[in-house]
Amino acid sequence: MLTPTDFLILGHRGASAYAADNSREAFRIAAEQGADGVELDVRRTADDRLVVHHDPTVGDGTVIVEAELEDLRRRAPGLLTLAEAMEACDGMLVNVEIKNSPSDPDFDPAHRSADMTVRWLVDHGWDDRVIVSSFNPATIDRVRSLSDDISTGQLLVPGSEVEAAVVSARERGHNAVHPHGSQLTDPIPAITAARERSMLVLVWTVNDPGFARRLRDAGATGIITDDPAAIRSGLAPA
């Protein structure tokens, strides 16, 4: 599992302030801007291929889980498979978010995307270079049940109680929590609760360098940002 010693800057779907999110270009720019890693989103196609896309549909409204990869490529030429995205991110830490919301058309209570993602990561030697996260507690619990080596994080929706979520995630075997920045107006109590349990704290989506400094100084593990360059510059010594 990951044990970072420096404050981490992860590009939110790559450097999404500068290029289409979850694209090769966004990942490339994030690396050039000095990001330690990126966050990306995984969904499953009708022919059981893992693709990297935030929404459950591509631009013309086609539902990803209802279409095969070849058809999706015609409709969304920039769509990457997980394998292609991970190749583009080689050398960086990757936060793989598995999308599995009950409100989405691709919701799957059997967690097939989790099974497929873990299998791919293990088979390709990414176990110690990723954090796998999800908003769905059952999905991330499934990942934890499949691998003792992969770091796993519970994503928190804005408005949820962070300290209670920290306790729950730790009891379920996870070693990271991912709160939204709005949940950490006073970051110290929640971050302290997590660090006392040897948990990583990655905060999303932080684009204000001043807030990033506050989180760093409070002991957060890192942040997820649309603009790695601005955060890297803002954290540099005066």
Foldseek 3Di string as FASTA:
>chain_A
DDDDDDAFEAAELALVVVDPRVFLVSNVVNVVLPGQYYEWEWDAACVGFIWTDDAQAPDVRHGRNDHDPVVVCVVPVRIGTPVRSVVSGPPHAYEYEYEADPVHPRHDPVLVVLVVVLVVCVVVVVLHRYEYEYCDPVNQLVNVVVDVRHAYEHEDDPPDQQLVVLVVCVVSPHQEYEYELVNPPPPQPNQVSSVVSNHAYEYPEDDDLVSQVVCVVSPHNYYHYSHSNNNVVSPDDD
